[in-house]
């Protein structure tokens, strides 16, 4: 019996491209499969969840996960990162400081506990956070083999000061947006958000993907360019940003 991506909990978005919606916080993890290489986008909210994402992604890809991209430094996206040993990890320039400074790790731990993660689980994940080995200041092209190339783009600030998007060329093109775009609720602007720049970050996303791309939000269902434009305009109005 053939095991499908759907059997493993992954939704196919395009050929060799998928995502899963993790429980509790409805956080998206993404997967891009190449020839002998595989990129996971975001690591989940705990070491156990990260290990599960990695195992399921490897099973879907048919080989081990080789790369991990972190879209931004919030606990539900990065606390599983330590489960991705022996992978190349990417993040936006500056995210390394957030994941290594004691006060920032404590803020992440406290935020996770406030949102319902068990204290010991949050503490272990925060303690084991490590900076990405590769920091993206503009754009970085990853070659995953078999003609599969992926573009990592530092498009922030916006939702945080360190927002990384992932463009997967193809038909259709797919853009993993992190929490710059949310479908299942209103975009969340915490104390580390940069509201004055958020609409411009969404313009950069739209420039990357174009009108016919599929946009994968950090939370919720896959959306189109019209949804991203509408959310951009709503954010500009919400924060009084002149366009």
Protein backbone atom coordinates (compact mmCIF):
# COMPACT_ATOMS: atom_id res chain seq x y z
CA UNK A 1 0.00 0.00 0.00
CA UNK A 2 1.38 3.37 -1.04
CA UNK A 3 1.55 6.00 1.69
CA UNK A 4 0.50 9.41 0.37
CA UNK A 5 1.44 12.87 1.59
CA UNK A 6 -2.09 13.20 2.88
CA UNK A 7 -1.67 10.00 4.90
CA UNK A 8 1.31 11.67 6.56
CA UNK A 9 -0.68 14.82 7.33
CA UNK A 10 0.72 16.97 4.50
CA UNK A 11 -1.32 18.91 1.95
CA UNK A 12 0.17 19.12 -1.55
CA UNK A 13 0.25 22.73 -2.71
CA UNK A 14 2.18 22.14 -5.97
CA UNK A 15 4.44 19.44 -7.39
CA UNK A 16 6.99 18.60 -4.69
CA UNK A 17 5.66 21.38 -2.44
CA UNK A 18 3.43 20.89 0.58
CA UNK A 19 2.49 22.08 4.00
CA UNK A 20 0.85 20.85 7.18
CA UNK A 21 -1.23 22.73 9.74
CA UNK A 22 0.06 21.88 13.19
CA UNK A 23 -2.39 21.44 16.08
CA UNK A 24 -3.22 23.91 18.87
CA UNK A 25 -1.93 27.12 17.23
CA UNK A 26 -2.69 26.13 13.62
CA UNK A 27 0.87 27.00 12.68
CA UNK A 28 1.99 26.06 9.16
CA UNK A 29 5.09 24.00 8.42
CA UNK A 30 6.17 23.84 4.78
CA UNK A 31 8.06 21.28 2.69
CA UNK A 32 9.92 21.62 -0.60
CA UNK A 33 11.40 18.44 -2.09
CA UNK A 34 14.40 18.30 -4.39
CA UNK A 35 16.64 15.48 -5.61
CA UNK A 36 18.18 14.07 -2.44
CA UNK A 37 17.48 17.28 -0.51
CA UNK A 38 14.43 18.67 1.26
CA UNK A 39 13.65 22.02 2.84
CA UNK A 40 11.29 22.37 5.80
CA UNK A 41 9.88 25.81 6.54
CA UNK A 42 9.34 26.42 10.26
CA UNK A 43 9.83 23.88 13.00
CA UNK A 44 6.79 23.88 15.25
CA UNK A 45 6.22 24.76 18.89
CA UNK A 46 8.24 22.15 20.80
CA UNK A 47 11.09 19.68 20.41
CA UNK A 48 8.60 16.83 20.13
CA UNK A 49 6.59 18.65 17.47
CA UNK A 50 9.77 19.51 15.58
CA UNK A 51 10.86 15.87 15.62
CA UNK A 52 7.45 14.81 14.31
CA UNK A 53 7.51 17.44 11.54
CA UNK A 54 10.99 16.33 10.51
CA UNK A 55 10.07 12.64 10.47
CA UNK A 56 6.86 13.15 8.50
CA UNK A 57 8.55 15.53 6.07
CA UNK A 58 11.34 13.03 5.47
CA UNK A 59 8.82 10.27 4.85
CA UNK A 60 6.92 12.47 2.39
CA UNK A 61 10.14 13.49 0.61
CA UNK A 62 11.52 9.97 0.50
CA UNK A 63 14.82 11.09 2.00
CA UNK A 64 16.09 13.06 4.95
CA UNK A 65 15.45 16.75 5.54
CA UNK A 66 18.58 18.72 4.69
CA UNK A 67 17.52 22.36 5.16
CA UNK A 68 15.34 24.35 7.56
CA UNK A 69 14.15 27.94 7.08
CA UNK A 70 12.73 29.91 10.02
CA UNK A 71 10.30 32.61 8.89
CA UNK A 72 10.45 34.59 12.15
CA UNK A 73 11.39 34.15 15.83
CA UNK A 74 8.12 33.25 17.57
CA UNK A 75 7.87 30.15 19.73
CA UNK A 76 5.28 28.34 17.61
CA UNK A 77 7.63 28.55 14.61
CA UNK A 78 11.09 28.01 16.17
CA UNK A 79 10.81 25.90 19.34
CA UNK A 80 11.13 22.69 17.34
CA UNK A 81 14.34 23.79 15.62
CA UNK A 82 16.71 21.82 17.86
CA UNK A 83 15.15 18.62 16.49
CA UNK A 84 16.66 19.46 13.09
CA UNK A 85 20.21 18.33 13.83
CA UNK A 86 22.59 17.98 10.88
CA UNK A 87 20.55 20.34 8.71
CA UNK A 88 21.45 23.72 7.26
CA UNK A 89 19.34 26.33 9.07
CA UNK A 90 18.45 29.73 7.58
CA UNK A 91 16.92 32.86 9.06
CA UNK A 92 16.83 36.60 8.48
CA UNK A 93 19.79 38.66 9.64
CA UNK A 94 19.27 39.58 13.29
CA UNK A 95 17.23 36.52 14.22
CA UNK A 96 20.43 34.98 15.58
CA UNK A 97 20.51 37.51 18.42
CA UNK A 98 16.89 36.79 19.37
CA UNK A 99 17.57 33.07 19.60
CA UNK A 100 20.73 33.43 21.69
CA UNK A 101 20.22 36.40 24.05
CA UNK A 102 19.12 35.16 27.45
CA UNK A 103 16.42 37.81 27.87
CA UNK A 104 14.97 37.12 24.43
CA UNK A 105 14.87 33.37 25.02
CA UNK A 106 13.15 34.03 28.34
CA UNK A 107 10.59 36.24 26.57
CA UNK A 108 9.89 33.43 24.09
CA UNK A 109 9.56 30.90 26.91
CA UNK A 110 7.20 33.14 28.85
CA UNK A 111 5.09 33.83 25.76
CA UNK A 112 4.80 30.11 25.07
CA UNK A 113 3.66 29.41 28.63
CA UNK A 114 1.13 32.27 28.51
CA UNK A 115 -0.28 30.67 25.38
CA UNK A 116 -0.64 27.27 27.01
CA UNK A 117 2.60 25.37 26.36
CA UNK A 118 3.71 23.36 29.38
CA UNK A 119 6.40 25.17 31.36
CA UNK A 120 8.92 22.33 31.26
CA UNK A 121 8.39 21.83 27.51
CA UNK A 122 8.82 25.56 26.86
CA UNK A 123 11.89 25.75 29.08
CA UNK A 124 13.63 22.85 27.35
CA UNK A 125 12.96 24.26 23.88
CA UNK A 126 14.12 27.77 24.84
CA UNK A 127 17.30 26.41 26.41
CA UNK A 128 18.20 24.51 23.26
CA UNK A 129 17.62 27.33 20.79
CA UNK A 130 20.62 28.01 18.57
CA UNK A 131 21.28 30.65 15.92
CA UNK A 132 20.81 29.71 12.26
CA UNK A 133 24.01 28.83 10.47
CA UNK A 134 23.03 30.99 7.49
CA UNK A 135 21.68 34.55 7.78
CA UNK A 136 19.83 36.14 4.86
CA UNK A 137 20.21 39.89 4.40
CA UNK A 138 18.65 40.17 0.94
CA UNK A 139 17.97 37.07 -1.13
CA UNK A 140 19.55 33.62 -1.06
CA UNK A 141 19.01 30.90 -3.66
CA UNK A 142 19.04 27.30 -2.47
CA UNK A 143 19.67 24.52 -4.98
CA UNK A 144 17.86 21.39 -3.77
CA UNK A 145 18.85 19.33 -6.80
CA UNK A 146 16.85 17.96 -9.70
CA UNK A 147 16.25 21.45 -11.07
CA UNK A 148 14.56 22.59 -7.87
CA UNK A 149 15.71 26.00 -6.69
CA UNK A 150 14.15 27.98 -3.85
CA UNK A 151 14.57 31.68 -3.09
CA UNK A 152 14.82 32.83 0.52
CA UNK A 153 14.00 36.54 0.81
CA UNK A 154 14.41 38.86 3.78
CA UNK A 155 11.22 40.86 3.22
CA UNK A 156 10.70 42.38 6.65
CA UNK A 157 10.40 44.07 8.97
CA UNK A 158 6.69 43.69 9.51
CA UNK A 159 5.20 41.02 11.75
CA UNK A 160 8.61 41.04 13.44
CA UNK A 161 11.91 42.73 12.68
CA UNK A 162 13.16 39.49 11.08
CA UNK A 163 10.64 38.18 8.53
CA UNK A 164 11.85 35.65 5.97
CA UNK A 165 9.73 34.51 3.02
CA UNK A 166 10.31 31.47 0.80
CA UNK A 167 9.52 31.54 -2.93
CA UNK A 168 9.24 28.23 -4.76
CA UNK A 169 9.23 28.81 -8.55
CA UNK A 170 6.94 26.64 -10.62
CA UNK A 171 3.45 26.48 -12.03
CA UNK A 172 1.98 27.73 -9.83
CA UNK A 173 4.62 29.62 -7.90
CA UNK A 174 4.28 29.22 -4.14
CA UNK A 175 5.22 31.80 -1.50
CA UNK A 176 5.55 30.78 2.15
CA UNK A 177 4.76 34.00 4.01
CA UNK A 178 5.22 33.22 7.69
CA UNK A 179 2.98 35.37 9.86
CA UNK A 180 3.21 38.36 7.54
CA UNK A 181 -0.02 36.83 6.23
CA UNK A 182 -2.65 35.08 8.37
CA UNK A 183 -5.91 33.61 7.10
CA UNK A 184 -7.47 31.99 10.16
CA UNK A 185 -7.58 35.23 12.14
CA UNK A 186 -6.53 38.87 12.13
CA UNK A 187 -2.75 39.34 11.77
CA UNK A 188 -1.19 39.53 15.23
CA UNK A 189 0.91 42.58 16.03
CA UNK A 190 2.84 41.95 19.23
CA UNK A 191 5.44 44.17 20.89
CA UNK A 192 8.09 43.08 18.37
CA UNK A 193 6.01 44.01 15.30
CA UNK A 194 6.99 46.91 13.06
CA UNK A 195 3.56 48.11 11.86
CA UNK A 196 4.85 51.07 9.85
CA UNK A 197 6.74 48.69 7.54
CA UNK A 198 4.28 45.77 7.42
CA UNK A 199 2.30 46.89 4.32
CA UNK A 200 5.56 47.37 2.41
CA UNK A 201 6.62 43.84 3.40
CA UNK A 202 3.40 42.53 1.85
CA UNK A 203 4.16 44.52 -1.30
CA UNK A 204 7.49 42.70 -1.44
CA UNK A 205 5.69 39.35 -1.06
CA UNK A 206 3.40 40.24 -3.95
CA UNK A 207 6.40 41.28 -6.01
CA UNK A 208 8.03 37.92 -5.37
CA UNK A 209 5.06 35.76 -6.23
CA UNK A 210 3.02 37.81 -8.65
CA UNK A 211 -0.66 37.70 -9.41
CA UNK A 212 -0.98 33.96 -10.06
CA UNK A 213 1.04 32.60 -7.12
CA UNK A 214 -0.32 30.68 -4.17
CA UNK A 215 0.47 32.32 -0.82
CA UNK A 216 0.86 30.07 2.22
CA UNK A 217 0.16 32.01 5.44
CA UNK A 218 1.68 31.29 8.81
CA UNK A 219 -1.79 30.31 10.07
CA UNK A 220 -4.79 29.25 8.02
CA UNK A 221 -5.68 28.20 4.49
CA UNK A 222 -3.67 28.90 1.34
CA UNK A 223 -4.68 32.25 -0.22
CA UNK A 224 -4.25 34.21 -3.44
CA UNK A 225 -2.77 37.58 -4.33
CA UNK A 226 -6.10 39.34 -3.89
CA UNK A 227 -6.26 38.17 -0.26
CA UNK A 228 -2.70 39.43 0.39
CA UNK A 229 -3.52 42.82 -1.16
CA UNK A 230 -6.67 43.11 0.94
CA UNK A 231 -4.76 42.25 4.10
CA UNK A 232 -2.07 44.77 3.16
CA UNK A 233 -4.69 47.51 2.78
CA UNK A 234 -6.38 46.52 6.04
CA UNK A 235 -3.07 46.67 7.90
CA UNK A 236 -2.25 50.06 6.40
CA UNK A 237 -5.63 51.39 7.56
CA UNK A 238 -5.32 49.72 10.98
CA UNK A 239 -1.92 51.26 11.69
CA UNK A 240 -2.40 54.56 9.86
CA UNK A 241 0.29 53.84 7.26
CA UNK A 242 0.11 56.09 4.22
CA UNK A 243 0.25 54.25 0.91
